[in-house]
Amino acid sequence: MLAYDYAELQRRTTMTGSTPYVTSTGYSKNSHPQQLEPSTGSGKEVWQTFDYETGRTG
């Protein structure tokens, strides 16, 4: 079973099961996930960063 914590605007900040999976989440001003801190279990910090590009459709 997974449990989630939420911040303002109902954005997920953490995801925990039998161990923590995501310990921190940062969002862009448009509410896109921008940075995740996955749990490594080793005490070392690791960050996954996402960039979004504005594009045209059609």
C-alpha atoms as a PDB file:
ATOM      1  CA  MET A   1       0.000   0.000   0.000  1.00  0.00           C
ATOM      2  CA  LEU A   2       1.249   3.475  -0.847  1.00  0.00           C
ATOM      3  CA  ALA A   3       0.589   6.628   1.160  1.00  0.00           C
ATOM      4  CA  TYR A   4       0.916  10.166  -0.176  1.00  0.00           C
ATOM      5  CA  ASP A   5       1.411  13.511   1.546  1.00  0.00           C
ATOM      6  CA  TYR A   6       0.024  16.634  -0.096  1.00  0.00           C
ATOM      7  CA  ALA A   7       0.943  20.324   0.069  1.00  0.00           C
ATOM      8  CA  GLU A   8      -0.975  23.397  -1.035  1.00  0.00           C
ATOM      9  CA  LEU A   9      -3.056  23.024  -4.184  1.00  0.00           C
ATOM     10  CA  GLN A  10      -3.283  19.257  -3.499  1.00  0.00           C
ATOM     11  CA  ARG A  11       0.128  18.564  -5.039  1.00  0.00           C
ATOM     12  CA  ARG A  12       1.841  15.362  -3.916  1.00  0.00           C
ATOM     13  CA  THR A  13       5.043  15.896  -1.954  1.00  0.00           C
ATOM     14  CA  THR A  14       5.984  12.411  -0.715  1.00  0.00           C
ATOM     15  CA  MET A  15       5.203   8.779  -1.518  1.00  0.00           C
ATOM     16  CA  THR A  16       5.749   6.092   1.093  1.00  0.00           C
ATOM     17  CA  GLY A  17       5.125   2.369   1.189  1.00  0.00           C
ATOM     18  CA  SER A  18       6.987  -0.100   3.388  1.00  0.00           C
ATOM     19  CA  THR A  19       9.910   2.298   2.789  1.00  0.00           C
ATOM     20  CA  PRO A  20       9.968   5.890   1.471  1.00  0.00           C
ATOM     21  CA  TYR A  21       9.961   6.071  -2.347  1.00  0.00           C
ATOM     22  CA  VAL A  22       9.883   9.844  -2.881  1.00  0.00           C
ATOM     23  CA  THR A  23      10.931  12.039   0.034  1.00  0.00           C
ATOM     24  CA  SER A  24      10.448  15.476  -1.570  1.00  0.00           C
ATOM     25  CA  THR A  25       8.845  16.993  -4.665  1.00  0.00           C
ATOM     26  CA  GLY A  26       9.222  20.483  -6.135  1.00  0.00           C
ATOM     27  CA  TYR A  27       6.754  22.022  -8.565  1.00  0.00           C
ATOM     28  CA  SER A  28       6.977  24.711 -11.245  1.00  0.00           C
ATOM     29  CA  LYS A  29       4.751  27.795 -11.178  1.00  0.00           C
ATOM     30  CA  ASN A  30       2.448  25.896 -13.583  1.00  0.00           C
ATOM     31  CA  SER A  31       2.125  22.984 -11.124  1.00  0.00           C
ATOM     32  CA  HIS A  32       4.263  20.628 -13.202  1.00  0.00           C
ATOM     33  CA  PRO A  33       6.503  18.291 -11.180  1.00  0.00           C
ATOM     34  CA  GLN A  34       9.929  19.882 -11.507  1.00  0.00           C
ATOM     35  CA  GLN A  35      12.157  18.006  -9.098  1.00  0.00           C
ATOM     36  CA  LEU A  36      11.844  14.710  -7.204  1.00  0.00           C
ATOM     37  CA  GLU A  37      14.044  13.358  -4.451  1.00  0.00           C
ATOM     38  CA  PRO A  38      13.827   9.562  -4.662  1.00  0.00           C
ATOM     39  CA  SER A  39      14.864   7.690  -1.535  1.00  0.00           C
ATOM     40  CA  THR A  40      18.158   5.888  -2.033  1.00  0.00           C
ATOM     41  CA  GLY A  41      18.127   4.074   1.290  1.00  0.00           C
ATOM     42  CA  SER A  42      21.808   4.945   1.692  1.00  0.00           C
ATOM     43  CA  GLY A  43      21.400   8.409   3.182  1.00  0.00           C
ATOM     44  CA  LYS A  44      22.779  10.045   0.028  1.00  0.00           C
ATOM     45  CA  GLU A  45      20.735  12.674  -1.769  1.00  0.00           C
ATOM     46  CA  VAL A  46      19.671  12.123  -5.366  1.00  0.00           C
ATOM     47  CA  TRP A  47      17.486  14.510  -7.348  1.00  0.00           C
ATOM     48  CA  GLN A  48      15.601  13.881 -10.575  1.00  0.00           C
ATOM     49  CA  THR A  49      14.856  17.081 -12.506  1.00  0.00           C
ATOM     50  CA  PHE A  50      12.248  17.582 -15.236  1.00  0.00           C
ATOM     51  CA  ASP A  51      12.191  20.370 -17.846  1.00  0.00           C
ATOM     52  CA  TYR A  52       9.103  21.265 -19.838  1.00  0.00           C
ATOM     53  CA  GLU A  53       9.107  22.915 -23.208  1.00  0.00           C
ATOM     54  CA  THR A  54       6.260  25.003 -24.526  1.00  0.00           C
ATOM     55  CA  GLY A  55       5.194  23.816 -27.933  1.00  0.00           C
ATOM     56  CA  ARG A  56       2.447  24.095 -30.458  1.00  0.00           C
ATOM     57  CA  THR A  57      -0.017  21.409 -31.386  1.00  0.00           C
ATOM     58  CA  GLY A  58      -1.874  20.982 -34.621  1.00  0.00           C
END
